């Protein structure tokens, strides 16, 4: 039986090179709606999402994110911020990021999670108030080359057990 969600999960890859082509507003809206609809512990929703799609803003993000200069070539990017001091915010926002990535991928738009540290300049750039810190910047764009394919993963039975560790799934 075909399962488009499983298809997206099994083929999505991190992409760092994008075509010089805008991402349609409808695609980005669906990706952001997927983030907004993602489950959240106690429904606290300790996140904020800021869409950046203007070229000068993307170029500035590329300068501000040490491990993400390729953001400058993306068609759009989402700044993902979390409430400081909320112990569940990283988990909740991480799930929302994955929802965005998979939603965009299902429409042919690639992405990658970047950021992780030293993102205060990004917070200031997009005007987030002090109770928030930036967790990630997620660029989106059409991949420069075909990227769907087999993933390099450990064998399934090396990482999945049934009932007790070491008992492989049949």
Foldseek 3Di string as FASTA:
>chain_A
DDDLLVVLVQWADAALAFDQDADDPVLQVQLQVLLVPADAVVPPSFKDKDKAQDLVLQCVVLVQFPPRVSSSRFRIKIWMKGFPPDPRGVVSNVRSNVSSQSSSVSVQKHKHWGHQDRCVVVCVVRVPDPRIDTRTMIGIHHHPDDRTDGDDDDPPQQPDAPPDPPHGDD
